[in-house]
Every structure is written in C-alpha cells, then in structure tokens.
C-alpha cells in the first residue's frame, strides 16, 4: 500500500470518526461537544434535491436544508453538474475519483485525491467526473443551488439539467 493511499484511508477514518448518519432518518449532529462515530459501511447515500440524478450525498453533520453542514457527496462516472452557484460558502476536498471543477474567473481544478477548493458565496462553478468521484463537502449555510446559463443569468433546474439536444445526421 502506498503512502498516498494510507493518507486517503486515514482521511476517510477521520471523517468517519467526526460524523454520524442515522438508520432510516438522518440524525443531524449540531452540538460540537457531542461525540460522533460512523462506520462507512452504514452510511446512507440519497439523491440531492436540485442536483442531477447521478449525484447522491450522505449527511455527516448539520442539516443542509436549514444551515451549515458536512456532507459526503458522490458523483457517478460521467456525471456533470452544470454551471451554478450557492448562497453559502462551499469547500470541497476530493477523496477519490477523477474529474474537473471549472470556476468562473479561475483556473480549473483537476479532481484527484487530496485536491481542495474553497468557493465563496455566489461564485459560479461546474463539476464533472470522468471516474466516479467522492468529495467531502462543507457549507457554512443552508444548501441551495442556482443554475446559470453561459451568460451568468439564472435559469431553472429543468433548463440546466435538460439533456443536450441530439442532432440528426443528414442523409446523403
């Protein structure tokens, strides 16, 4: 086992020791004095409202519906989250997978284990994974997602998540 994979495994263990998810209904830990433990095998990943169906998450701490939270976020191979922004400040730490985080007015971040991004409120970005990605994601406020078009104008989730139109080939 390489030193790099040992570090990643240690990171996963530390994340697991710092969080908890309940059996059927998530238990949101908000008291920092509360002890929390978690076995990765018992984590429940669920779809995230407003995100593409190829994305799922397990809440580790907090309640993303109403305030700050720590979440493990999975994007399947080939998954793409179109251009968007959040009201809360967001941080990402890539645990596994390969992909890209494109950011407005900044260089793209290649998703490799250990890559990190801190995105301020209202900062437009998009993510795609060529190989299934697992991220540690934290936000300092309630989760929301505002999709934008190529001009930065807000659009509906239906518009943003609509599959690209297929072009017909012309017959010769």
N, C-alpha and C. Protein backbone atom coordinates (compact mmCIF):
# COMPACT_ATOMS: atom_id res chain seq x y z
N UNK A 1 0.85 -1.17 0.00
CA UNK A 1 0.00 0.00 0.00
C UNK A 1 0.89 1.24 0.00
N UNK A 2 0.56 2.23 -0.83
CA UNK A 2 1.39 3.41 -0.94
C UNK A 2 1.10 4.39 0.19
N UNK A 3 2.04 5.31 0.38
CA UNK A 3 1.89 6.33 1.40
C UNK A 3 0.66 7.19 1.11
N UNK A 4 0.41 7.49 -0.20
CA UNK A 4 -0.73 8.31 -0.60
C UNK A 4 -2.05 7.62 -0.23
N UNK A 5 -2.17 6.33 -0.52
CA UNK A 5 -3.43 5.64 -0.20
C UNK A 5 -3.61 5.51 1.31
N UNK A 6 -2.50 5.43 2.06
CA UNK A 6 -2.60 5.42 3.52
C UNK A 6 -3.16 6.75 4.03
N UNK A 7 -2.73 7.86 3.42
CA UNK A 7 -3.23 9.18 3.81
C UNK A 7 -4.71 9.31 3.50
N UNK A 8 -5.11 8.82 2.35
CA UNK A 8 -6.52 8.89 1.97
C UNK A 8 -7.35 8.04 2.92
N UNK A 9 -6.88 6.85 3.22
CA UNK A 9 -7.60 5.98 4.15
C UNK A 9 -7.70 6.65 5.53
N UNK A 10 -6.61 7.29 5.99
CA UNK A 10 -6.63 7.99 7.28
C UNK A 10 -7.63 9.14 7.25
N UNK A 11 -7.71 9.87 6.12
CA UNK A 11 -8.68 10.95 5.98
C UNK A 11 -10.10 10.41 6.09
N UNK A 12 -10.37 9.31 5.43
CA UNK A 12 -11.70 8.71 5.50
C UNK A 12 -12.04 8.28 6.92
N UNK A 13 -11.07 7.72 7.63
CA UNK A 13 -11.31 7.30 9.01
C UNK A 13 -11.59 8.52 9.88
N UNK A 14 -10.82 9.61 9.70
CA UNK A 14 -11.06 10.81 10.49
C UNK A 14 -12.43 11.40 10.19
N UNK A 15 -12.82 11.42 8.91
CA UNK A 15 -14.15 11.92 8.56
C UNK A 15 -15.22 11.05 9.19
N UNK A 16 -15.02 9.76 9.14
CA UNK A 16 -15.98 8.84 9.73
C UNK A 16 -16.09 9.02 11.23
N UNK A 17 -14.96 9.27 11.89
CA UNK A 17 -14.99 9.45 13.34
C UNK A 17 -15.65 10.77 13.73
N UNK A 18 -15.73 11.70 12.79
CA UNK A 18 -16.28 13.02 13.11
C UNK A 18 -17.74 13.17 12.77
N UNK A 19 -18.40 12.09 12.31
CA UNK A 19 -19.76 12.27 11.81
C UNK A 19 -20.66 11.08 12.10
N UNK A 20 -21.96 11.30 11.88
CA UNK A 20 -22.91 10.21 12.06
C UNK A 20 -24.11 10.39 11.15
N UNK A 21 -24.69 9.26 10.76
CA UNK A 21 -25.92 9.26 10.00
C UNK A 21 -26.80 8.19 10.61
N UNK A 22 -28.08 8.49 10.82
CA UNK A 22 -29.00 7.53 11.43
C UNK A 22 -29.40 6.42 10.47
N UNK A 23 -30.10 5.45 10.97
CA UNK A 23 -30.51 4.25 10.20
C UNK A 23 -31.41 4.62 9.04
N UNK A 24 -32.62 5.14 9.30
CA UNK A 24 -33.53 5.44 8.22
C UNK A 24 -33.70 6.94 8.04
N UNK A 25 -33.75 7.69 9.11
CA UNK A 25 -33.85 9.13 9.05
C UNK A 25 -32.54 9.70 9.57
N UNK A 26 -31.90 10.59 8.79
CA UNK A 26 -30.62 11.11 9.25
C UNK A 26 -30.72 11.78 10.61
N UNK A 27 -29.72 11.57 11.44
CA UNK A 27 -29.60 12.25 12.72
C UNK A 27 -28.57 13.35 12.51
N UNK A 28 -28.98 14.58 12.64
CA UNK A 28 -28.09 15.69 12.38
C UNK A 28 -27.45 16.15 13.67
N UNK A 29 -26.14 16.00 13.75
CA UNK A 29 -25.41 16.40 14.94
C UNK A 29 -25.04 17.87 14.81
N UNK A 30 -25.48 18.68 15.72
CA UNK A 30 -25.16 20.10 15.66
C UNK A 30 -24.36 20.57 16.87
N UNK A 31 -24.37 19.82 17.95
CA UNK A 31 -23.64 20.18 19.15
C UNK A 31 -22.20 19.70 18.99
N UNK A 32 -21.25 20.63 18.95
CA UNK A 32 -19.85 20.25 18.72
C UNK A 32 -19.26 19.50 19.91
N UNK A 33 -19.91 19.54 21.07
CA UNK A 33 -19.41 18.80 22.22
C UNK A 33 -19.88 17.34 22.19
N UNK A 34 -20.76 17.02 21.27
CA UNK A 34 -21.30 15.67 21.16
C UNK A 34 -20.30 14.74 20.47
N UNK A 35 -20.11 13.55 21.02
CA UNK A 35 -19.23 12.56 20.39
C UNK A 35 -19.99 11.95 19.22
N UNK A 36 -19.28 11.74 18.12
CA UNK A 36 -19.90 11.19 16.92
C UNK A 36 -19.00 10.09 16.36
N UNK A 37 -19.59 8.99 15.96
CA UNK A 37 -18.85 7.93 15.28
C UNK A 37 -19.67 7.44 14.10
N UNK A 38 -18.98 6.87 13.13
CA UNK A 38 -19.65 6.40 11.93
C UNK A 38 -18.83 5.31 11.26
N UNK A 39 -19.48 4.24 10.89
CA UNK A 39 -18.85 3.22 10.07
C UNK A 39 -19.21 3.49 8.62
N UNK A 40 -18.25 3.60 7.72
CA UNK A 40 -18.57 3.90 6.33
C UNK A 40 -19.56 2.92 5.71
N UNK A 41 -19.57 1.67 6.16
CA UNK A 41 -20.47 0.67 5.60
C UNK A 41 -21.94 0.97 5.90
N UNK A 42 -22.22 1.76 6.92
CA UNK A 42 -23.61 2.04 7.29
C UNK A 42 -24.12 3.37 6.74
N UNK A 43 -23.27 4.10 6.04
CA UNK A 43 -23.69 5.39 5.51
C UNK A 43 -24.77 5.21 4.45
N UNK A 44 -25.77 6.06 4.52
CA UNK A 44 -26.88 6.03 3.57
C UNK A 44 -26.74 7.22 2.62
N UNK A 45 -26.46 6.94 1.35
CA UNK A 45 -26.40 7.98 0.33
C UNK A 45 -27.78 8.11 -0.30
N UNK A 46 -28.23 9.33 -0.47
CA UNK A 46 -29.55 9.59 -1.03
C UNK A 46 -29.44 10.68 -2.11
N UNK A 47 -30.40 10.71 -3.04
CA UNK A 47 -30.40 11.78 -4.05
C UNK A 47 -30.45 13.15 -3.37
N UNK A 48 -29.91 14.16 -4.05
CA UNK A 48 -29.90 15.51 -3.53
C UNK A 48 -30.88 16.35 -4.35
N UNK A 49 -31.92 16.90 -3.71
CA UNK A 49 -32.87 17.71 -4.46
C UNK A 49 -32.17 18.84 -5.21
N UNK A 50 -32.51 19.00 -6.47
CA UNK A 50 -31.93 20.07 -7.28
C UNK A 50 -30.67 19.68 -8.02
N UNK A 51 -30.06 18.54 -7.69
CA UNK A 51 -28.86 18.09 -8.39
C UNK A 51 -29.24 17.01 -9.41
N UNK A 52 -28.37 16.75 -10.38
CA UNK A 52 -28.65 15.67 -11.33
C UNK A 52 -28.81 14.33 -10.60
N UNK A 53 -29.53 13.40 -11.22
CA UNK A 53 -29.79 12.10 -10.59
C UNK A 53 -28.52 11.28 -10.40
N UNK A 54 -27.42 11.65 -11.04
CA UNK A 54 -26.16 10.93 -10.89
C UNK A 54 -25.40 11.37 -9.63
N UNK A 55 -25.98 12.28 -8.85
CA UNK A 55 -25.36 12.77 -7.61
C UNK A 55 -26.13 12.25 -6.40
N UNK A 56 -25.40 11.90 -5.35
CA UNK A 56 -26.02 11.49 -4.09
C UNK A 56 -25.14 11.96 -2.94
N UNK A 57 -25.73 11.99 -1.75
CA UNK A 57 -24.98 12.51 -0.60
C UNK A 57 -25.37 11.79 0.68
N UNK A 58 -24.43 11.78 1.62
CA UNK A 58 -24.66 11.30 2.98
C UNK A 58 -24.30 12.45 3.92
N UNK A 59 -25.25 12.87 4.72
CA UNK A 59 -25.02 13.97 5.66
C UNK A 59 -24.21 13.45 6.83
N UNK A 60 -23.13 14.15 7.13
CA UNK A 60 -22.26 13.77 8.24
C UNK A 60 -22.56 14.59 9.49
N UNK A 61 -22.80 15.88 9.30
CA UNK A 61 -23.02 16.77 10.45
C UNK A 61 -23.85 17.95 9.98
N UNK A 62 -24.77 18.39 10.81
CA UNK A 62 -25.61 19.53 10.48
C UNK A 62 -26.82 19.11 9.67
N UNK A 63 -27.53 20.10 9.18
CA UNK A 63 -28.71 19.87 8.34
C UNK A 63 -28.62 20.81 7.15
N UNK A 64 -28.24 20.29 5.98
CA UNK A 64 -28.05 21.16 4.82
C UNK A 64 -29.33 21.87 4.38
N UNK A 65 -30.49 21.40 4.84
CA UNK A 65 -31.75 22.06 4.47
C UNK A 65 -31.93 23.37 5.22
N UNK A 66 -31.26 23.51 6.37
CA UNK A 66 -31.52 24.70 7.18
C UNK A 66 -30.28 25.45 7.66
N UNK A 67 -29.10 24.89 7.48
CA UNK A 67 -27.92 25.58 7.98
C UNK A 67 -26.63 24.88 7.58
N UNK A 68 -25.54 25.24 8.23
CA UNK A 68 -24.24 24.65 7.91
C UNK A 68 -24.27 23.13 8.01
N UNK A 69 -23.46 22.48 7.15
CA UNK A 69 -23.44 21.02 7.14
C UNK A 69 -22.13 20.50 6.55
N UNK A 70 -21.80 19.28 6.96
CA UNK A 70 -20.72 18.49 6.36
C UNK A 70 -21.39 17.33 5.66
N UNK A 71 -20.98 17.07 4.43
CA UNK A 71 -21.63 16.06 3.60
C UNK A 71 -20.57 15.30 2.80
N UNK A 72 -20.77 14.00 2.61
CA UNK A 72 -20.01 13.26 1.62
C UNK A 72 -20.87 13.26 0.37
N UNK A 73 -20.30 13.68 -0.74
CA UNK A 73 -21.02 13.82 -1.99
C UNK A 73 -20.42 12.87 -3.02
N UNK A 74 -21.28 12.08 -3.67
CA UNK A 74 -20.83 11.17 -4.73
C UNK A 74 -21.37 11.65 -6.06
N UNK A 75 -20.50 11.65 -7.07
CA UNK A 75 -20.92 11.87 -8.45
C UNK A 75 -20.50 10.64 -9.23
N UNK A 76 -21.42 10.02 -9.95
CA UNK A 76 -21.13 8.82 -10.72
C UNK A 76 -20.23 9.14 -11.91
N UNK A 77 -19.62 8.13 -12.47
CA UNK A 77 -18.81 8.31 -13.69
C UNK A 77 -19.68 8.95 -14.75
N UNK A 78 -19.14 9.98 -15.40
CA UNK A 78 -19.88 10.68 -16.45
C UNK A 78 -20.84 11.74 -15.93
N UNK A 79 -20.95 11.89 -14.63
CA UNK A 79 -21.87 12.86 -14.04
C UNK A 79 -21.36 14.29 -14.28
N UNK A 80 -22.29 15.17 -14.56
CA UNK A 80 -21.95 16.60 -14.75
C UNK A 80 -22.98 17.43 -14.01
N UNK A 81 -22.51 18.36 -13.18
CA UNK A 81 -23.37 19.34 -12.53
C UNK A 81 -23.12 20.65 -13.26
N UNK A 82 -24.13 21.14 -14.02
CA UNK A 82 -23.94 22.34 -14.84
C UNK A 82 -23.59 23.58 -14.02
N UNK A 83 -23.23 24.65 -14.73
CA UNK A 83 -22.86 25.91 -14.10
C UNK A 83 -23.91 26.31 -13.07
N UNK A 84 -23.43 26.67 -11.87
CA UNK A 84 -24.31 27.05 -10.77
C UNK A 84 -23.52 27.81 -9.71
N UNK A 85 -24.25 28.32 -8.73
CA UNK A 85 -23.64 28.93 -7.54
C UNK A 85 -24.53 28.62 -6.34
N UNK A 86 -23.97 28.83 -5.15
CA UNK A 86 -24.68 28.62 -3.89
C UNK A 86 -24.64 29.92 -3.08
N UNK A 87 -25.62 30.13 -2.22
CA UNK A 87 -25.61 31.28 -1.33
C UNK A 87 -24.52 31.12 -0.27
N UNK A 88 -24.35 29.91 0.24
CA UNK A 88 -23.34 29.64 1.27
C UNK A 88 -21.95 29.55 0.65
N UNK A 89 -20.94 29.77 1.47
CA UNK A 89 -19.56 29.48 1.08
C UNK A 89 -19.42 27.96 1.09
N UNK A 90 -18.67 27.41 0.14
CA UNK A 90 -18.56 25.96 -0.01
C UNK A 90 -17.09 25.56 -0.07
N UNK A 91 -16.75 24.44 0.57
CA UNK A 91 -15.42 23.87 0.44
C UNK A 91 -15.56 22.43 -0.02
N UNK A 92 -14.61 22.01 -0.84
CA UNK A 92 -14.58 20.64 -1.37
C UNK A 92 -13.21 20.05 -1.14
N UNK A 93 -13.17 18.80 -0.73
CA UNK A 93 -11.94 18.04 -0.63
C UNK A 93 -12.20 16.73 -1.36
N UNK A 94 -11.43 16.47 -2.39
CA UNK A 94 -11.63 15.28 -3.21
C UNK A 94 -11.01 14.08 -2.51
N UNK A 95 -11.82 13.04 -2.31
CA UNK A 95 -11.35 11.83 -1.65
C UNK A 95 -10.94 10.79 -2.69
N UNK A 96 -11.77 10.64 -3.73
CA UNK A 96 -11.43 9.68 -4.79
C UNK A 96 -12.10 10.10 -6.09
N UNK A 97 -11.63 9.53 -7.19
CA UNK A 97 -12.21 9.79 -8.50
C UNK A 97 -11.37 10.73 -9.33
N UNK A 98 -11.89 11.00 -10.50
CA UNK A 98 -11.22 11.89 -11.45
C UNK A 98 -12.27 12.77 -12.10
N UNK A 99 -11.93 14.03 -12.32
CA UNK A 99 -12.84 14.95 -12.98
C UNK A 99 -12.29 16.35 -12.94
N UNK A 100 -13.19 17.31 -13.12
CA UNK A 100 -12.78 18.71 -13.19
C UNK A 100 -13.82 19.60 -12.52
N UNK A 101 -13.33 20.61 -11.84
CA UNK A 101 -14.16 21.68 -11.32
C UNK A 101 -13.77 22.92 -12.09
N UNK A 102 -14.68 23.41 -12.94
CA UNK A 102 -14.44 24.65 -13.69
C UNK A 102 -15.02 25.78 -12.86
N UNK A 103 -14.29 26.89 -12.79
CA UNK A 103 -14.72 28.01 -11.97
C UNK A 103 -14.64 29.30 -12.77
N UNK A 104 -15.66 30.14 -12.58
CA UNK A 104 -15.66 31.44 -13.23
C UNK A 104 -14.45 32.22 -12.74
N UNK A 105 -13.75 32.84 -13.66
CA UNK A 105 -12.61 33.69 -13.32
C UNK A 105 -11.51 32.97 -12.55
N UNK A 106 -11.33 31.69 -12.82
CA UNK A 106 -10.26 30.96 -12.15
C UNK A 106 -9.86 29.74 -12.95
N UNK A 107 -8.69 29.21 -12.68
CA UNK A 107 -8.26 28.01 -13.40
C UNK A 107 -9.06 26.79 -12.95
N UNK A 108 -9.24 25.83 -13.85
CA UNK A 108 -9.96 24.62 -13.45
C UNK A 108 -9.14 23.81 -12.44
N UNK A 109 -9.86 23.10 -11.58
CA UNK A 109 -9.22 22.21 -10.61
C UNK A 109 -9.42 20.79 -11.10
N UNK A 110 -8.34 20.06 -11.25
CA UNK A 110 -8.43 18.65 -11.62
C UNK A 110 -8.76 17.85 -10.37
N UNK A 111 -9.83 17.06 -10.46
CA UNK A 111 -10.20 16.22 -9.33
C UNK A 111 -9.25 15.04 -9.25
N UNK A 112 -8.44 15.06 -8.25
CA UNK A 112 -7.58 13.94 -7.89
C UNK A 112 -7.63 13.88 -6.37
N UNK A 113 -7.42 12.72 -5.77
CA UNK A 113 -7.46 12.63 -4.31
C UNK A 113 -6.57 13.68 -3.66
N UNK A 114 -7.14 14.40 -2.70
CA UNK A 114 -6.42 15.43 -1.98
C UNK A 114 -6.61 16.83 -2.54
N UNK A 115 -7.18 16.98 -3.75
CA UNK A 115 -7.41 18.31 -4.31
C UNK A 115 -8.44 19.04 -3.45
N UNK A 116 -8.29 20.35 -3.34
CA UNK A 116 -9.12 21.16 -2.45
C UNK A 116 -9.58 22.43 -3.16
N UNK A 117 -10.81 22.84 -2.90
CA UNK A 117 -11.32 24.11 -3.43
C UNK A 117 -12.15 24.80 -2.35
N UNK A 118 -12.02 26.11 -2.26
CA UNK A 118 -12.85 26.93 -1.39
C UNK A 118 -13.56 27.93 -2.29
N UNK A 119 -14.88 27.84 -2.34
CA UNK A 119 -15.67 28.67 -3.24
C UNK A 119 -16.51 29.66 -2.44
N UNK A 120 -16.31 30.94 -2.67
CA UNK A 120 -17.10 31.93 -1.93
C UNK A 120 -18.55 31.94 -2.41
N UNK A 121 -19.41 32.49 -1.59
CA UNK A 121 -20.82 32.65 -1.92
C UNK A 121 -20.99 33.27 -3.30
N UNK A 122 -21.94 32.77 -4.06
CA UNK A 122 -22.31 33.28 -5.39
C UNK A 122 -21.23 33.08 -6.45
N UNK A 123 -20.25 32.24 -6.21
CA UNK A 123 -19.18 32.01 -7.20
C UNK A 123 -19.60 30.88 -8.15
N UNK A 124 -19.76 31.21 -9.42
CA UNK A 124 -20.24 30.23 -10.41
C UNK A 124 -19.17 29.17 -10.68
N UNK A 125 -19.63 27.91 -10.72
CA UNK A 125 -18.74 26.78 -11.00
C UNK A 125 -19.55 25.63 -11.57
N UNK A 126 -18.85 24.66 -12.15
CA UNK A 126 -19.49 23.43 -12.62
C UNK A 126 -18.53 22.28 -12.37
N UNK A 127 -19.10 21.09 -12.19
CA UNK A 127 -18.28 19.92 -11.88
C UNK A 127 -18.64 18.78 -12.83
N UNK A 128 -17.63 17.99 -13.16
CA UNK A 128 -17.87 16.78 -13.94
C UNK A 128 -16.87 15.72 -13.50
N UNK A 129 -17.32 14.47 -13.52
CA UNK A 129 -16.46 13.36 -13.10
C UNK A 129 -16.35 12.36 -14.24
N UNK A 130 -15.13 12.09 -14.66
CA UNK A 130 -14.90 11.07 -15.69
C UNK A 130 -14.81 9.69 -15.04
N UNK A 131 -14.39 9.66 -13.81
CA UNK A 131 -14.39 8.44 -13.00
C UNK A 131 -15.09 8.80 -11.69
N UNK A 132 -16.00 7.95 -11.21
CA UNK A 132 -16.82 8.26 -10.03
C UNK A 132 -16.03 9.02 -8.98
N UNK A 133 -16.62 10.10 -8.47
CA UNK A 133 -15.96 10.98 -7.51
C UNK A 133 -16.64 10.91 -6.15
N UNK A 134 -15.83 11.00 -5.11
CA UNK A 134 -16.32 11.12 -3.75
C UNK A 134 -15.64 12.36 -3.17
N UNK A 135 -16.44 13.30 -2.65
CA UNK A 135 -15.92 14.54 -2.09
C UNK A 135 -16.39 14.67 -0.65
N UNK A 136 -15.57 15.35 0.14
CA UNK A 136 -16.03 15.89 1.42
C UNK A 136 -16.44 17.31 1.09
N UNK A 137 -17.67 17.68 1.43
CA UNK A 137 -18.21 18.99 1.09
C UNK A 137 -18.72 19.64 2.37
N UNK A 138 -18.36 20.87 2.57
CA UNK A 138 -18.93 21.60 3.70
C UNK A 138 -19.45 22.94 3.21
N UNK A 139 -20.49 23.41 3.87
CA UNK A 139 -21.07 24.71 3.55
C UNK A 139 -21.38 25.41 4.87
N UNK A 140 -21.26 26.74 4.87
CA UNK A 140 -21.48 27.49 6.10
C UNK A 140 -22.91 28.01 6.22
N UNK A 141 -23.79 27.50 5.37
CA UNK A 141 -25.20 27.88 5.44
C UNK A 141 -26.05 26.82 4.78
N UNK A 142 -27.34 27.06 4.69
CA UNK A 142 -28.26 26.11 4.08
C UNK A 142 -27.90 25.87 2.61
N UNK A 143 -28.12 24.63 2.16
CA UNK A 143 -27.82 24.28 0.77
C UNK A 143 -28.90 24.85 -0.14
N UNK A 144 -28.45 25.53 -1.17
CA UNK A 144 -29.30 25.91 -2.28
C UNK A 144 -28.45 25.84 -3.53
N UNK A 145 -29.08 25.76 -4.66
CA UNK A 145 -28.34 25.72 -5.92
C UNK A 145 -29.07 26.59 -6.92
N UNK A 146 -28.31 27.48 -7.54
CA UNK A 146 -28.83 28.42 -8.53
C UNK A 146 -28.08 28.17 -9.83
N UNK A 147 -28.76 27.56 -10.80
CA UNK A 147 -28.14 27.28 -12.09
C UNK A 147 -28.10 28.55 -12.93
N UNK A 148 -27.04 28.66 -13.74
CA UNK A 148 -26.88 29.82 -14.62
C UNK A 148 -26.55 29.36 -16.04
N UNK A 149 -26.89 30.21 -17.01
CA UNK A 149 -26.55 29.92 -18.41
C UNK A 149 -25.14 30.43 -18.70
N UNK A 150 -24.74 30.35 -19.96
CA UNK A 150 -23.37 30.76 -20.33
C UNK A 150 -23.13 32.25 -20.12
N UNK A 151 -24.20 33.04 -20.01
CA UNK A 151 -24.05 34.48 -19.76
C UNK A 151 -24.09 34.80 -18.26
N UNK A 152 -24.27 33.79 -17.42
CA UNK A 152 -24.33 34.01 -15.98
C UNK A 152 -25.72 34.36 -15.49
N UNK A 153 -26.73 34.28 -16.37
CA UNK A 153 -28.11 34.57 -15.98
C UNK A 153 -28.73 33.33 -15.36
N UNK A 154 -29.47 33.51 -14.27
CA UNK A 154 -30.08 32.38 -13.58
C UNK A 154 -31.13 31.71 -14.46
N UNK A 155 -31.11 30.36 -14.46
CA UNK A 155 -32.07 29.56 -15.21
C UNK A 155 -32.66 28.51 -14.27
N UNK A 156 -33.75 27.89 -14.68
CA UNK A 156 -34.39 26.87 -13.84
C UNK A 156 -33.56 25.59 -13.85
N UNK A 157 -33.77 24.76 -12.83
CA UNK A 157 -33.11 23.45 -12.77
C UNK A 157 -33.52 22.61 -13.97
N UNK A 158 -34.79 22.70 -14.38
CA UNK A 158 -35.25 21.94 -15.55
C UNK A 158 -34.44 22.30 -16.79
N UNK A 159 -34.21 23.60 -16.99
CA UNK A 159 -33.42 24.03 -18.14
C UNK A 159 -31.97 23.54 -18.02
N UNK A 160 -31.39 23.70 -16.85
CA UNK A 160 -29.98 23.35 -16.65
C UNK A 160 -29.74 21.85 -16.77
N UNK A 161 -30.69 21.05 -16.27
CA UNK A 161 -30.49 19.60 -16.23
C UNK A 161 -31.05 18.87 -17.44
N UNK A 162 -31.63 19.61 -18.37
CA UNK A 162 -32.18 19.01 -19.59
C UNK A 162 -31.04 18.40 -20.40
N UNK A 163 -31.21 17.15 -20.86
CA UNK A 163 -30.15 16.54 -21.68
C UNK A 163 -29.92 17.36 -22.94
N UNK A 164 -28.69 17.41 -23.42
CA UNK A 164 -28.43 18.18 -24.64
C UNK A 164 -29.21 17.57 -25.81
N UNK A 165 -29.68 18.46 -26.69
CA UNK A 165 -30.44 18.01 -27.85
C UNK A 165 -29.52 17.21 -28.77
N UNK A 166 -30.06 16.12 -29.28
CA UNK A 166 -29.30 15.30 -30.23
C UNK A 166 -29.51 15.88 -31.62
N UNK A 167 -28.44 15.94 -32.35
CA UNK A 167 -28.56 16.44 -33.72
C UNK A 167 -28.75 15.25 -34.67
N UNK A 168 -29.63 15.43 -35.61
CA UNK A 168 -29.87 14.38 -36.59
C UNK A 168 -28.82 14.46 -37.68
N UNK A 169 -28.40 13.32 -38.13
CA UNK A 169 -27.46 13.28 -39.25
C UNK A 169 -28.24 13.47 -40.55
N UNK A 170 -27.65 14.18 -41.43
CA UNK A 170 -28.30 14.40 -42.73
C UNK A 170 -28.05 13.17 -43.59
N UNK A 171 -29.09 12.78 -44.33
CA UNK A 171 -28.93 11.68 -45.26
C UNK A 171 -28.23 12.17 -46.50
N UNK A 172 -27.40 11.31 -47.05
CA UNK A 172 -26.68 11.69 -48.28
C UNK A 172 -27.47 11.27 -49.48
